[in-house]
Amino acid sequence: MKKNMGSADRIIRIIIAAVIATLYFTGILTGTVGIVLLVLAGVFVLTSLVSFCPLYAPFGLKTCSVKKA
């Protein structure tokens, strides 16, 4: 897996995941919607940690800087 996420993308995903987790654990998000968003938050954290988003790969998207040789 090649890195395809930049640091700004990773930070935004971590912030969104933290907001979703906070809303879920304070009881604002409940039920099926809350669980689905909590799972999405987990995916955001996981993809941020490995710097790879599987949805970017088929479209050739990269948000990381390109190193020039």
N, C-alpha and C. Protein backbone atom coordinates (compact mmCIF):
# COMPACT_ATOMS: atom_id res chain seq x y z
N MET A 1 0.84 -1.18 0.00
CA MET A 1 0.00 0.00 0.00
C MET A 1 0.88 1.24 0.00
N LYS A 2 0.75 2.01 -1.03
CA LYS A 2 1.46 3.27 -1.07
C LYS A 2 0.65 4.35 -0.39
N LYS A 3 1.34 5.26 0.22
CA LYS A 3 0.70 6.37 0.93
C LYS A 3 -0.03 7.26 -0.08
N ASN A 4 -1.31 7.55 0.18
CA ASN A 4 -2.04 8.44 -0.72
C ASN A 4 -2.82 9.52 0.02
N MET A 5 -2.49 9.72 1.30
CA MET A 5 -3.16 10.75 2.10
C MET A 5 -2.13 11.71 2.66
N GLY A 6 -2.42 12.99 2.51
CA GLY A 6 -1.56 14.02 3.07
C GLY A 6 -1.88 14.28 4.53
N SER A 7 -1.06 15.11 5.15
CA SER A 7 -1.24 15.37 6.58
C SER A 7 -2.52 16.16 6.85
N ALA A 8 -2.89 17.07 5.98
CA ALA A 8 -4.13 17.84 6.18
C ALA A 8 -5.35 16.91 6.13
N ASP A 9 -5.36 15.99 5.20
CA ASP A 9 -6.44 15.02 5.07
C ASP A 9 -6.53 14.15 6.32
N ARG A 10 -5.38 13.72 6.82
CA ARG A 10 -5.35 12.88 8.01
C ARG A 10 -5.87 13.63 9.24
N ILE A 11 -5.47 14.88 9.39
CA ILE A 11 -5.90 15.68 10.54
C ILE A 11 -7.40 15.92 10.49
N ILE A 12 -7.93 16.23 9.32
CA ILE A 12 -9.37 16.46 9.17
C ILE A 12 -10.14 15.20 9.53
N ARG A 13 -9.67 14.04 9.09
CA ARG A 13 -10.35 12.78 9.40
C ARG A 13 -10.33 12.48 10.90
N ILE A 14 -9.22 12.76 11.56
CA ILE A 14 -9.13 12.52 13.01
C ILE A 14 -10.09 13.46 13.75
N ILE A 15 -10.17 14.71 13.33
CA ILE A 15 -11.08 15.67 13.97
C ILE A 15 -12.53 15.23 13.79
N ILE A 16 -12.89 14.83 12.58
CA ILE A 16 -14.26 14.37 12.33
C ILE A 16 -14.57 13.13 13.17
N ALA A 17 -13.62 12.21 13.26
CA ALA A 17 -13.82 11.00 14.06
C ALA A 17 -14.00 11.36 15.53
N ALA A 18 -13.23 12.32 16.03
CA ALA A 18 -13.35 12.72 17.43
C ALA A 18 -14.71 13.36 17.70
N VAL A 19 -15.19 14.18 16.77
CA VAL A 19 -16.50 14.82 16.94
C VAL A 19 -17.60 13.76 16.95
N ILE A 20 -17.53 12.82 16.02
CA ILE A 20 -18.56 11.76 15.97
C ILE A 20 -18.53 10.93 17.25
N ALA A 21 -17.34 10.57 17.72
CA ALA A 21 -17.24 9.77 18.94
C ALA A 21 -17.79 10.54 20.14
N THR A 22 -17.49 11.82 20.22
CA THR A 22 -18.01 12.64 21.32
C THR A 22 -19.52 12.72 21.28
N LEU A 23 -20.08 12.93 20.10
CA LEU A 23 -21.53 13.00 19.97
C LEU A 23 -22.19 11.67 20.32
N TYR A 24 -21.54 10.57 19.96
CA TYR A 24 -22.11 9.26 20.26
C TYR A 24 -22.08 8.97 21.76
N PHE A 25 -20.93 9.21 22.37
CA PHE A 25 -20.79 8.84 23.78
C PHE A 25 -21.48 9.82 24.73
N THR A 26 -21.87 10.99 24.25
CA THR A 26 -22.66 11.90 25.07
C THR A 26 -24.15 11.67 24.88
N GLY A 27 -24.51 10.79 23.97
CA GLY A 27 -25.91 10.43 23.78
C GLY A 27 -26.65 11.28 22.77
N ILE A 28 -25.96 12.15 22.07
CA ILE A 28 -26.62 12.98 21.06
C ILE A 28 -26.92 12.15 19.82
N LEU A 29 -25.97 11.31 19.41
CA LEU A 29 -26.20 10.38 18.31
C LEU A 29 -26.56 9.02 18.91
N THR A 30 -27.72 8.51 18.57
CA THR A 30 -28.14 7.22 19.12
C THR A 30 -28.68 6.33 18.01
N GLY A 31 -28.95 5.11 18.37
CA GLY A 31 -29.58 4.18 17.44
C GLY A 31 -28.67 3.75 16.31
N THR A 32 -29.31 3.37 15.22
CA THR A 32 -28.58 2.86 14.07
C THR A 32 -27.67 3.92 13.45
N VAL A 33 -28.16 5.14 13.38
CA VAL A 33 -27.35 6.23 12.81
C VAL A 33 -26.08 6.43 13.63
N GLY A 34 -26.21 6.39 14.93
CA GLY A 34 -25.06 6.55 15.80
C GLY A 34 -24.04 5.45 15.62
N ILE A 35 -24.51 4.22 15.51
CA ILE A 35 -23.58 3.09 15.34
C ILE A 35 -22.88 3.16 13.98
N VAL A 36 -23.64 3.49 12.95
CA VAL A 36 -23.04 3.59 11.60
C VAL A 36 -21.98 4.70 11.58
N LEU A 37 -22.30 5.85 12.18
CA LEU A 37 -21.32 6.93 12.20
C LEU A 37 -20.11 6.60 13.08
N LEU A 38 -20.32 5.85 14.14
CA LEU A 38 -19.21 5.42 14.98
C LEU A 38 -18.28 4.48 14.22
N VAL A 39 -18.85 3.58 13.44
CA VAL A 39 -18.03 2.69 12.60
C VAL A 39 -17.27 3.51 11.56
N LEU A 40 -17.92 4.49 10.96
CA LEU A 40 -17.27 5.38 9.99
C LEU A 40 -16.12 6.13 10.65
N ALA A 41 -16.32 6.58 11.89
CA ALA A 41 -15.25 7.26 12.62
C ALA A 41 -14.07 6.33 12.83
N GLY A 42 -14.35 5.06 13.13
CA GLY A 42 -13.27 4.08 13.28
C GLY A 42 -12.49 3.89 11.98
N VAL A 43 -13.20 3.86 10.87
CA VAL A 43 -12.54 3.74 9.57
C VAL A 43 -11.68 4.98 9.30
N PHE A 44 -12.19 6.15 9.65
CA PHE A 44 -11.42 7.39 9.47
C PHE A 44 -10.12 7.33 10.27
N VAL A 45 -10.19 6.87 11.51
CA VAL A 45 -8.99 6.80 12.34
C VAL A 45 -8.01 5.78 11.76
N LEU A 46 -8.52 4.63 11.37
CA LEU A 46 -7.65 3.58 10.81
C LEU A 46 -6.96 4.05 9.54
N THR A 47 -7.70 4.67 8.64
CA THR A 47 -7.08 5.13 7.39
C THR A 47 -6.11 6.28 7.66
N SER A 48 -6.37 7.07 8.67
CA SER A 48 -5.44 8.15 9.02
C SER A 48 -4.13 7.59 9.57
N LEU A 49 -4.22 6.53 10.33
CA LEU A 49 -3.01 5.94 10.92
C LEU A 49 -2.12 5.30 9.86
N VAL A 50 -2.72 4.68 8.85
CA VAL A 50 -1.91 4.02 7.82
C VAL A 50 -1.66 4.91 6.60
N SER A 51 -2.25 6.09 6.58
CA SER A 51 -2.08 7.07 5.48
C SER A 51 -2.49 6.51 4.13
N PHE A 52 -3.47 5.64 4.13
CA PHE A 52 -3.94 5.06 2.88
C PHE A 52 -5.45 4.98 2.91
N CYS A 53 -6.09 5.52 1.87
CA CYS A 53 -7.54 5.45 1.74
C CYS A 53 -7.86 4.56 0.54
N PRO A 54 -8.53 3.42 0.77
CA PRO A 54 -8.82 2.52 -0.34
C PRO A 54 -9.75 3.12 -1.38
N LEU A 55 -10.56 4.10 -1.02
CA LEU A 55 -11.44 4.73 -2.00
C LEU A 55 -10.69 5.68 -2.93
N TYR A 56 -9.53 6.15 -2.52
CA TYR A 56 -8.73 7.01 -3.39
C TYR A 56 -8.04 6.22 -4.49
N ALA A 57 -7.65 4.97 -4.21
CA ALA A 57 -6.85 4.17 -5.13
C ALA A 57 -7.50 3.95 -6.50
N PRO A 58 -8.77 3.53 -6.61
CA PRO A 58 -9.33 3.29 -7.94
C PRO A 58 -9.42 4.55 -8.81
N PHE A 59 -9.51 5.70 -8.15
CA PHE A 59 -9.64 6.96 -8.89
C PHE A 59 -8.30 7.66 -9.09
N GLY A 60 -7.24 7.11 -8.51
CA GLY A 60 -5.92 7.70 -8.67
C GLY A 60 -5.74 8.99 -7.90
N LEU A 61 -6.53 9.19 -6.85
CA LEU A 61 -6.42 10.41 -6.06
C LEU A 61 -5.30 10.30 -5.04
N LYS A 62 -4.59 11.39 -4.83
CA LYS A 62 -3.56 11.47 -3.81
C LYS A 62 -3.61 12.86 -3.22
N THR A 63 -3.65 12.93 -1.91
CA THR A 63 -3.63 14.23 -1.25
C THR A 63 -2.28 14.49 -0.61
N CYS A 64 -1.34 13.57 -0.76
CA CYS A 64 -0.01 13.77 -0.21
C CYS A 64 0.87 14.47 -1.24
N SER A 65 1.90 15.11 -0.74
CA SER A 65 2.80 15.82 -1.64
C SER A 65 3.63 14.82 -2.44
N VAL A 66 3.93 15.19 -3.67
CA VAL A 66 4.72 14.32 -4.55
C VAL A 66 6.17 14.70 -4.44
N LYS A 67 7.02 13.69 -4.19
CA LYS A 67 8.45 13.95 -4.10
C LYS A 67 9.04 14.02 -5.49
N LYS A 68 9.80 15.07 -5.73
CA LYS A 68 10.43 15.24 -7.04
C LYS A 68 11.82 14.64 -7.01
N ALA A 69 12.15 13.95 -8.08
CA ALA A 69 13.46 13.28 -8.15
C ALA A 69 14.51 14.22 -8.70
